[in-house]
PDB file of N, CA and C in Angstrom:
ATOM      1  N   MET A   1       5.230 -19.449  -7.783  1.00  0.00           N
ATOM      2  CA  MET A   1       4.319 -19.135  -6.701  1.00  0.00           C
ATOM      3  C   MET A   1       2.907 -19.018  -7.284  1.00  0.00           C
ATOM      4  N   PRO A   2       1.896 -19.518  -6.597  1.00  0.00           N
ATOM      5  CA  PRO A   2       0.520 -19.436  -7.103  1.00  0.00           C
ATOM      6  C   PRO A   2       0.026 -17.992  -7.213  1.00  0.00           C
ATOM      7  N   VAL A   3      -0.928 -17.796  -8.127  1.00  0.00           N
ATOM      8  CA  VAL A   3      -1.571 -16.500  -8.305  1.00  0.00           C
ATOM      9  C   VAL A   3      -3.011 -16.627  -7.813  1.00  0.00           C
ATOM     10  N   TYR A   4      -3.485 -15.586  -7.121  1.00  0.00           N
ATOM     11  CA  TYR A   4      -4.848 -15.566  -6.596  1.00  0.00           C
ATOM     12  C   TYR A   4      -5.561 -14.316  -7.083  1.00  0.00           C
ATOM     13  N   MET A   5      -6.845 -14.493  -7.418  1.00  0.00           N
ATOM     14  CA  MET A   5      -7.673 -13.368  -7.834  1.00  0.00           C
ATOM     15  C   MET A   5      -8.586 -12.978  -6.680  1.00  0.00           C
ATOM     16  N   VAL A   6      -8.619 -11.687  -6.411  1.00  0.00           N
ATOM     17  CA  VAL A   6      -9.502 -11.142  -5.389  1.00  0.00           C
ATOM     18  C   VAL A   6     -10.631 -10.425  -6.110  1.00  0.00           C
ATOM     19  N   ASP A   7     -11.865 -10.871  -5.866  1.00  0.00           N
ATOM     20  CA  ASP A   7     -13.048 -10.220  -6.440  1.00  0.00           C
ATOM     21  C   ASP A   7     -13.569  -9.193  -5.456  1.00  0.00           C
ATOM     22  N   ARG A   8     -13.932  -8.030  -6.004  1.00  0.00           N
ATOM     23  CA  ARG A   8     -14.475  -6.954  -5.173  1.00  0.00           C
ATOM     24  C   ARG A   8     -15.696  -6.340  -5.853  1.00  0.00           C
ATOM     25  N   ASP A   9     -16.737  -6.126  -5.094  1.00  0.00           N
ATOM     26  CA  ASP A   9     -17.878  -5.332  -5.548  1.00  0.00           C
ATOM     27  C   ASP A   9     -17.762  -4.010  -4.810  1.00  0.00           C
ATOM     28  N   LEU A  10     -17.651  -2.920  -5.575  1.00  0.00           N
ATOM     29  CA  LEU A  10     -17.352  -1.610  -4.986  1.00  0.00           C
ATOM     30  C   LEU A  10     -18.345  -0.549  -5.464  1.00  0.00           C
ATOM     31  N   PRO A  11     -19.637  -0.714  -5.163  1.00  0.00           N
ATOM     32  CA  PRO A  11     -20.617   0.278  -5.623  1.00  0.00           C
ATOM     33  C   PRO A  11     -20.323   1.658  -5.029  1.00  0.00           C
ATOM     34  N   GLY A  12     -20.383   2.664  -5.887  1.00  0.00           N
ATOM     35  CA  GLY A  12     -20.200   4.034  -5.429  1.00  0.00           C
ATOM     36  C   GLY A  12     -18.761   4.470  -5.228  1.00  0.00           C
ATOM     37  N   ILE A  13     -17.803   3.624  -5.532  1.00  0.00           N
ATOM     38  CA  ILE A  13     -16.401   3.985  -5.314  1.00  0.00           C
ATOM     39  C   ILE A  13     -15.966   5.058  -6.323  1.00  0.00           C
ATOM     40  N   THR A  14     -15.192   6.011  -5.845  1.00  0.00           N
ATOM     41  CA  THR A  14     -14.640   7.039  -6.725  1.00  0.00           C
ATOM     42  C   THR A  14     -13.273   6.576  -7.226  1.00  0.00           C
ATOM     43  N   MET A  15     -12.771   7.238  -8.247  1.00  0.00           N
ATOM     44  CA  MET A  15     -11.452   6.873  -8.769  1.00  0.00           C
ATOM     45  C   MET A  15     -10.363   7.155  -7.728  1.00  0.00           C
ATOM     46  N   ASP A  16     -10.534   8.206  -6.939  1.00  0.00           N
ATOM     47  CA  ASP A  16      -9.563   8.492  -5.880  1.00  0.00           C
ATOM     48  C   ASP A  16      -9.564   7.390  -4.822  1.00  0.00           C
ATOM     49  N   GLN A  17     -10.743   6.910  -4.458  1.00  0.00           N
ATOM     50  CA  GLN A  17     -10.844   5.821  -3.484  1.00  0.00           C
ATOM     51  C   GLN A  17     -10.256   4.539  -4.051  1.00  0.00           C
ATOM     52  N   LEU A  18     -10.485   4.298  -5.334  1.00  0.00           N
ATOM     53  CA  LEU A  18      -9.940   3.111  -5.981  1.00  0.00           C
ATOM     54  C   LEU A  18      -8.411   3.166  -5.988  1.00  0.00           C
ATOM     55  N   ALA A  19      -7.859   4.330  -6.298  1.00  0.00           N
ATOM     56  CA  ALA A  19      -6.404   4.502  -6.282  1.00  0.00           C
ATOM     57  C   ALA A  19      -5.844   4.305  -4.870  1.00  0.00           C
ATOM     58  N   ALA A  20      -6.552   4.807  -3.868  1.00  0.00           N
ATOM     59  CA  ALA A  20      -6.102   4.637  -2.481  1.00  0.00           C
ATOM     60  C   ALA A  20      -6.147   3.164  -2.067  1.00  0.00           C
ATOM     61  N   ALA A  21      -7.160   2.437  -2.515  1.00  0.00           N
ATOM     62  CA  ALA A  21      -7.258   1.007  -2.203  1.00  0.00           C
ATOM     63  C   ALA A  21      -6.112   0.245  -2.861  1.00  0.00           C
ATOM     64  N   GLN A  22      -5.796   0.604  -4.099  1.00  0.00           N
ATOM     65  CA  GLN A  22      -4.682  -0.048  -4.791  1.00  0.00           C
ATOM     66  C   GLN A  22      -3.373   0.219  -4.049  1.00  0.00           C
ATOM     67  N   LYS A  23      -3.164   1.453  -3.646  1.00  0.00           N
ATOM     68  CA  LYS A  23      -1.948   1.797  -2.912  1.00  0.00           C
ATOM     69  C   LYS A  23      -1.875   1.017  -1.593  1.00  0.00           C
ATOM     70  N   ALA A  24      -3.010   0.894  -0.905  1.00  0.00           N
ATOM     71  CA  ALA A  24      -3.045   0.144   0.355  1.00  0.00           C
ATOM     72  C   ALA A  24      -2.733  -1.331   0.121  1.00  0.00           C
ATOM     73  N   ALA A  25      -3.235  -1.898  -0.976  1.00  0.00           N
ATOM     74  CA  ALA A  25      -2.959  -3.302  -1.286  1.00  0.00           C
ATOM     75  C   ALA A  25      -1.475  -3.517  -1.537  1.00  0.00           C
ATOM     76  N   ILE A  26      -0.854  -2.590  -2.264  1.00  0.00           N
ATOM     77  CA  ILE A  26       0.573  -2.699  -2.564  1.00  0.00           C
ATOM     78  C   ILE A  26       1.405  -2.560  -1.290  1.00  0.00           C
ATOM     79  N   THR A  27       1.121  -1.533  -0.513  1.00  0.00           N
ATOM     80  CA  THR A  27       1.873  -1.273   0.717  1.00  0.00           C
ATOM     81  C   THR A  27       1.726  -2.411   1.715  1.00  0.00           C
ATOM     82  N   THR A  28       0.506  -2.879   1.901  1.00  0.00           N
ATOM     83  CA  THR A  28       0.266  -3.951   2.872  1.00  0.00           C
ATOM     84  C   THR A  28       0.904  -5.252   2.419  1.00  0.00           C
ATOM     85  N   SER A  29       0.871  -5.530   1.117  1.00  0.00           N
ATOM     86  CA  SER A  29       1.541  -6.733   0.592  1.00  0.00           C
ATOM     87  C   SER A  29       3.033  -6.694   0.890  1.00  0.00           C
ATOM     88  N   ARG A  30       3.638  -5.537   0.690  1.00  0.00           N
ATOM     89  CA  ARG A  30       5.070  -5.393   0.978  1.00  0.00           C
ATOM     90  C   ARG A  30       5.367  -5.587   2.460  1.00  0.00           C
ATOM     91  N   GLU A  31       4.494  -5.077   3.314  1.00  0.00           N
ATOM     92  CA  GLU A  31       4.673  -5.254   4.758  1.00  0.00           C
ATOM     93  C   GLU A  31       4.576  -6.733   5.138  1.00  0.00           C
ATOM     94  N   PHE A  32       3.604  -7.427   4.569  1.00  0.00           N
ATOM     95  CA  PHE A  32       3.456  -8.854   4.857  1.00  0.00           C
ATOM     96  C   PHE A  32       4.698  -9.615   4.409  1.00  0.00           C
ATOM     97  N   THR A  33       5.197  -9.300   3.221  1.00  0.00           N
ATOM     98  CA  THR A  33       6.387  -9.967   2.709  1.00  0.00           C
ATOM     99  C   THR A  33       7.581  -9.712   3.631  1.00  0.00           C
ATOM    100  N   ALA A  34       7.733  -8.479   4.083  1.00  0.00           N
ATOM    101  CA  ALA A  34       8.842  -8.140   4.979  1.00  0.00           C
ATOM    102  C   ALA A  34       8.743  -8.878   6.311  1.00  0.00           C
ATOM    103  N   ASN A  35       7.514  -9.279   6.667  1.00  0.00           N
ATOM    104  CA  ASN A  35       7.293 -10.006   7.921  1.00  0.00           C
ATOM    105  C   ASN A  35       7.171 -11.517   7.724  1.00  0.00           C
ATOM    106  N   GLY A  36       7.660 -12.014   6.578  1.00  0.00           N
ATOM    107  CA  GLY A  36       7.729 -13.454   6.364  1.00  0.00           C
ATOM    108  C   GLY A  36       6.500 -14.100   5.769  1.00  0.00           C
ATOM    109  N   LYS A  37       5.533 -13.297   5.305  1.00  0.00           N
ATOM    110  CA  LYS A  37       4.345 -13.838   4.640  1.00  0.00           C
ATOM    111  C   LYS A  37       4.351 -13.306   3.204  1.00  0.00           C
ATOM    112  N   PRO A  38       4.986 -14.040   2.277  1.00  0.00           N
ATOM    113  CA  PRO A  38       5.167 -13.537   0.918  1.00  0.00           C
ATOM    114  C   PRO A  38       3.862 -13.310   0.154  1.00  0.00           C
ATOM    115  N   VAL A  39       3.612 -12.045  -0.175  1.00  0.00           N
ATOM    116  CA  VAL A  39       2.462 -11.653  -0.996  1.00  0.00           C
ATOM    117  C   VAL A  39       2.945 -10.535  -1.911  1.00  0.00           C
ATOM    118  N   ARG A  40       2.606 -10.641  -3.210  1.00  0.00           N
ATOM    119  CA  ARG A  40       2.973  -9.592  -4.161  1.00  0.00           C
ATOM    120  C   ARG A  40       1.747  -9.191  -4.957  1.00  0.00           C
ATOM    121  N   TYR A  41       1.420  -7.912  -4.916  1.00  0.00           N
ATOM    122  CA  TYR A  41       0.345  -7.360  -5.739  1.00  0.00           C
ATOM    123  C   TYR A  41       0.827  -7.355  -7.188  1.00  0.00           C
ATOM    124  N   ILE A  42      -0.024  -7.838  -8.107  1.00  0.00           N
ATOM    125  CA  ILE A  42       0.346  -7.862  -9.525  1.00  0.00           C
ATOM    126  C   ILE A  42      -0.346  -6.725 -10.273  1.00  0.00           C
ATOM    127  N   ARG A  43      -1.671  -6.716 -10.274  1.00  0.00           N
ATOM    128  CA  ARG A  43      -2.420  -5.668 -10.978  1.00  0.00           C
ATOM    129  C   ARG A  43      -3.910  -5.821 -10.681  1.00  0.00           C
ATOM    130  N   SER A  44      -4.665  -4.803 -11.101  1.00  0.00           N
ATOM    131  CA  SER A  44      -6.118  -4.812 -10.945  1.00  0.00           C
ATOM    132  C   SER A  44      -6.787  -4.466 -12.261  1.00  0.00           C
ATOM    133  N   THR A  45      -7.997  -4.957 -12.417  1.00  0.00           N
ATOM    134  CA  THR A  45      -8.861  -4.592 -13.529  1.00  0.00           C
ATOM    135  C   THR A  45     -10.186  -4.154 -12.930  1.00  0.00           C
ATOM    136  N   PHE A  46     -10.639  -2.944 -13.295  1.00  0.00           N
ATOM    137  CA  PHE A  46     -11.885  -2.407 -12.757  1.00  0.00           C
ATOM    138  C   PHE A  46     -12.890  -2.271 -13.892  1.00  0.00           C
ATOM    139  N   VAL A  47     -14.119  -2.727 -13.648  1.00  0.00           N
ATOM    140  CA  VAL A  47     -15.210  -2.630 -14.613  1.00  0.00           C
ATOM    141  C   VAL A  47     -16.186  -1.576 -14.073  1.00  0.00           C
ATOM    142  N   PRO A  48     -16.071  -0.324 -14.535  1.00  0.00           N
ATOM    143  CA  PRO A  48     -16.862   0.754 -13.945  1.00  0.00           C
ATOM    144  C   PRO A  48     -18.374   0.545 -14.040  1.00  0.00           C
ATOM    145  N   GLY A  49     -18.856   0.019 -15.155  1.00  0.00           N
ATOM    146  CA  GLY A  49     -20.296  -0.175 -15.330  1.00  0.00           C
ATOM    147  C   GLY A  49     -20.902  -1.160 -14.351  1.00  0.00           C
ATOM    148  N   GLU A  50     -20.064  -2.005 -13.766  1.00  0.00           N
ATOM    149  CA  GLU A  50     -20.538  -3.000 -12.804  1.00  0.00           C
ATOM    150  C   GLU A  50     -19.980  -2.756 -11.407  1.00  0.00           C
ATOM    151  N   ALA A  51     -19.119  -1.745 -11.270  1.00  0.00           N
ATOM    152  CA  ALA A  51     -18.451  -1.445  -9.995  1.00  0.00           C
ATOM    153  C   ALA A  51     -17.771  -2.704  -9.454  1.00  0.00           C
ATOM    154  N   HIS A  52     -17.172  -3.458 -10.374  1.00  0.00           N
ATOM    155  CA  HIS A  52     -16.520  -4.722 -10.012  1.00  0.00           C
ATOM    156  C   HIS A  52     -15.026  -4.609 -10.292  1.00  0.00           C
ATOM    157  N   CYS A  53     -14.241  -5.109  -9.345  1.00  0.00           N
ATOM    158  CA  CYS A  53     -12.791  -5.048  -9.476  1.00  0.00           C
ATOM    159  C   CYS A  53     -12.219  -6.443  -9.252  1.00  0.00           C
ATOM    160  N   MET A  54     -11.231  -6.798 -10.061  1.00  0.00           N
ATOM    161  CA  MET A  54     -10.521  -8.062  -9.914  1.00  0.00           C
ATOM    162  C   MET A  54      -9.045  -7.740  -9.772  1.00  0.00           C
ATOM    163  N   CYS A  55      -8.458  -8.213  -8.691  1.00  0.00           N
ATOM    164  CA  CYS A  55      -7.053  -7.932  -8.412  1.00  0.00           C
ATOM    165  C   CYS A  55      -6.281  -9.246  -8.364  1.00  0.00           C
ATOM    166  N   LEU A  56      -5.088  -9.240  -8.937  1.00  0.00           N
ATOM    167  CA  LEU A  56      -4.239 -10.424  -8.909  1.00  0.00           C
ATOM    168  C   LEU A  56      -3.094 -10.233  -7.925  1.00  0.00           C
ATOM    169  N   PHE A  57      -2.867 -11.282  -7.142  1.00  0.00           N
ATOM    170  CA  PHE A  57      -1.776 -11.320  -6.181  1.00  0.00           C
ATOM    171  C   PHE A  57      -1.030 -12.626  -6.347  1.00  0.00           C
ATOM    172  N   GLU A  58       0.250 -12.588  -6.116  1.00  0.00           N
ATOM    173  CA  GLU A  58       1.071 -13.794  -6.062  1.00  0.00           C
ATOM    174  C   GLU A  58       1.356 -14.033  -4.585  1.00  0.00           C
ATOM    175  N   ALA A  59       1.176 -15.274  -4.125  1.00  0.00           N
ATOM    176  CA  ALA A  59       1.394 -15.566  -2.704  1.00  0.00           C
ATOM    177  C   ALA A  59       1.608 -17.057  -2.504  1.00  0.00           C
ATOM    178  N   THR A  60       2.193 -17.389  -1.377  1.00  0.00           N
ATOM    179  CA  THR A  60       2.390 -18.798  -1.052  1.00  0.00           C
ATOM    180  C   THR A  60       1.128 -19.419  -0.464  1.00  0.00           C
ATOM    181  N   SER A  61       0.157 -18.573  -0.078  1.00  0.00           N
ATOM    182  CA  SER A  61      -1.058 -19.076   0.542  1.00  0.00           C
ATOM    183  C   SER A  61      -2.228 -18.132   0.272  1.00  0.00           C
ATOM    184  N   PRO A  62      -3.421 -18.676  -0.016  1.00  0.00           N
ATOM    185  CA  PRO A  62      -4.584 -17.798  -0.182  1.00  0.00           C
ATOM    186  C   PRO A  62      -4.927 -17.079   1.123  1.00  0.00           C
ATOM    187  N   GLU A  63      -4.584 -17.687   2.236  1.00  0.00           N
ATOM    188  CA  GLU A  63      -4.846 -17.047   3.529  1.00  0.00           C
ATOM    189  C   GLU A  63      -4.065 -15.749   3.659  1.00  0.00           C
ATOM    190  N   TYR A  64      -2.843 -15.711   3.176  1.00  0.00           N
ATOM    191  CA  TYR A  64      -2.060 -14.477   3.218  1.00  0.00           C
ATOM    192  C   TYR A  64      -2.736 -13.383   2.403  1.00  0.00           C
ATOM    193  N   VAL A  65      -3.286 -13.757   1.255  1.00  0.00           N
ATOM    194  CA  VAL A  65      -3.969 -12.781   0.401  1.00  0.00           C
ATOM    195  C   VAL A  65      -5.199 -12.233   1.132  1.00  0.00           C
ATOM    196  N   LYS A  66      -5.963 -13.106   1.772  1.00  0.00           N
ATOM    197  CA  LYS A  66      -7.128 -12.662   2.541  1.00  0.00           C
ATOM    198  C   LYS A  66      -6.701 -11.742   3.683  1.00  0.00           C
ATOM    199  N   GLU A  67      -5.636 -12.111   4.358  1.00  0.00           N
ATOM    200  CA  GLU A  67      -5.154 -11.303   5.467  1.00  0.00           C
ATOM    201  C   GLU A  67      -4.722  -9.912   5.012  1.00  0.00           C
ATOM    202  N   VAL A  68      -4.134  -9.823   3.826  1.00  0.00           N
ATOM    203  CA  VAL A  68      -3.738  -8.520   3.284  1.00  0.00           C
ATOM    204  C   VAL A  68      -4.977  -7.650   3.076  1.00  0.00           C
ATOM    205  N   GLN A  69      -6.042  -8.213   2.513  1.00  0.00           N
ATOM    206  CA  GLN A  69      -7.266  -7.446   2.265  1.00  0.00           C
ATOM    207  C   GLN A  69      -7.851  -6.931   3.581  1.00  0.00           C
ATOM    208  N   GLU A  70      -7.871  -7.816   4.571  1.00  0.00           N
ATOM    209  CA  GLU A  70      -8.420  -7.435   5.873  1.00  0.00           C
ATOM    210  C   GLU A  70      -7.556  -6.372   6.552  1.00  0.00           C
ATOM    211  N   ALA A  71      -6.234  -6.545   6.513  1.00  0.00           N
ATOM    212  CA  ALA A  71      -5.329  -5.587   7.146  1.00  0.00           C
ATOM    213  C   ALA A  71      -5.387  -4.225   6.454  1.00  0.00           C
ATOM    214  N   ALA A  72      -5.572  -4.223   5.140  1.00  0.00           N
ATOM    215  CA  ALA A  72      -5.651  -2.979   4.377  1.00  0.00           C
ATOM    216  C   ALA A  72      -7.064  -2.384   4.398  1.00  0.00           C
ATOM    217  N   ASN A  73      -7.995  -3.127   4.976  1.00  0.00           N
ATOM    218  CA  ASN A  73      -9.395  -2.694   5.074  1.00  0.00           C
ATOM    219  C   ASN A  73     -10.011  -2.441   3.692  1.00  0.00           C
ATOM    220  N   ILE A  74      -9.763  -3.391   2.772  1.00  0.00           N
ATOM    221  CA  ILE A  74     -10.323  -3.311   1.421  1.00  0.00           C
ATOM    222  C   ILE A  74     -11.384  -4.404   1.299  1.00  0.00           C
ATOM    223  N   PRO A  75     -12.632  -4.037   0.976  1.00  0.00           N
ATOM    224  CA  PRO A  75     -13.681  -5.063   0.865  1.00  0.00           C
ATOM    225  C   PRO A  75     -13.407  -6.046  -0.264  1.00  0.00           C
ATOM    226  N   PHE A  76     -13.796  -7.298  -0.033  1.00  0.00           N
ATOM    227  CA  PHE A  76     -13.663  -8.320  -1.069  1.00  0.00           C
ATOM    228  C   PHE A  76     -14.731  -9.369  -0.861  1.00  0.00           C
ATOM    229  N   THR A  77     -15.082 -10.056  -1.958  1.00  0.00           N
ATOM    230  CA  THR A  77     -16.105 -11.091  -1.857  1.00  0.00           C
ATOM    231  C   THR A  77     -15.515 -12.493  -1.851  1.00  0.00           C
ATOM    232  N   ARG A  78     -14.354 -12.650  -2.523  1.00  0.00           N
ATOM    233  CA  ARG A  78     -13.721 -13.974  -2.512  1.00  0.00           C
ATOM    234  C   ARG A  78     -12.274 -13.876  -2.991  1.00  0.00           C
ATOM    235  N   VAL A  79     -11.530 -14.916  -2.643  1.00  0.00           N
ATOM    236  CA  VAL A  79     -10.159 -15.090  -3.114  1.00  0.00           C
ATOM    237  C   VAL A  79     -10.090 -16.482  -3.726  1.00  0.00           C
ATOM    238  N   THR A  80      -9.708 -16.550  -5.008  1.00  0.00           N
ATOM    239  CA  THR A  80      -9.634 -17.848  -5.687  1.00  0.00           C
ATOM    240  C   THR A  80      -8.313 -17.957  -6.434  1.00  0.00           C
ATOM    241  N   GLU A  81      -7.816 -19.181  -6.539  1.00  0.00           N
ATOM    242  CA  GLU A  81      -6.596 -19.394  -7.318  1.00  0.00           C
ATOM    243  C   GLU A  81      -6.912 -19.123  -8.788  1.00  0.00           C
ATOM    244  N   ALA A  82      -5.986 -18.504  -9.486  1.00  0.00           N
ATOM    245  CA  ALA A  82      -6.196 -18.123 -10.877  1.00  0.00           C
ATOM    246  C   ALA A  82      -4.924 -18.353 -11.664  1.00  0.00           C
ATOM    247  N   MET A  83      -5.034 -18.269 -12.968  1.00  0.00           N
ATOM    248  CA  MET A  83      -3.867 -18.368 -13.851  1.00  0.00           C
ATOM    249  C   MET A  83      -3.722 -17.039 -14.562  1.00  0.00           C
ATOM    250  N   ASP A  84      -2.594 -16.405 -14.406  1.00  0.00           N
ATOM    251  CA  ASP A  84      -2.299 -15.152 -15.094  1.00  0.00           C
ATOM    252  C   ASP A  84      -1.727 -15.514 -16.467  1.00  0.00           C
ATOM    253  N   LEU A  85      -2.463 -15.217 -17.517  1.00  0.00           N
ATOM    254  CA  LEU A  85      -2.078 -15.623 -18.870  1.00  0.00           C
ATOM    255  C   LEU A  85      -1.522 -14.457 -19.683  1.00  0.00           C
ATOM    256  N   THR A  86      -0.949 -13.475 -19.015  1.00  0.00           N
ATOM    257  CA  THR A  86      -0.352 -12.351 -19.721  1.00  0.00           C
ATOM    258  C   THR A  86       0.802 -12.829 -20.590  1.00  0.00           C
ATOM    259  N   PRO A  87       0.792 -12.468 -21.884  1.00  0.00           N
ATOM    260  CA  PRO A  87       1.881 -12.943 -22.755  1.00  0.00           C
ATOM    261  C   PRO A  87       3.206 -12.285 -22.421  1.00  0.00           C
TER     262      PRO A  87
END
């Protein structure tokens, strides 16, 4: 299944808000999958000095990934196909 990266600019976000956004992404992805739109949250990387976050999702469609962000009400700037090179 393809992997997609979600870019987020999150100026002023607290660690509690970041944790809540991550939880919402996971929960909403599971709901979408249960409803026939396969999306799996993989992980996030946050760069505090830039207030920038990159999240990886596995999905059959980039549209599903975008829909998850919108349904979870998590801001994002783009969704692009990516390669997860974790050993």
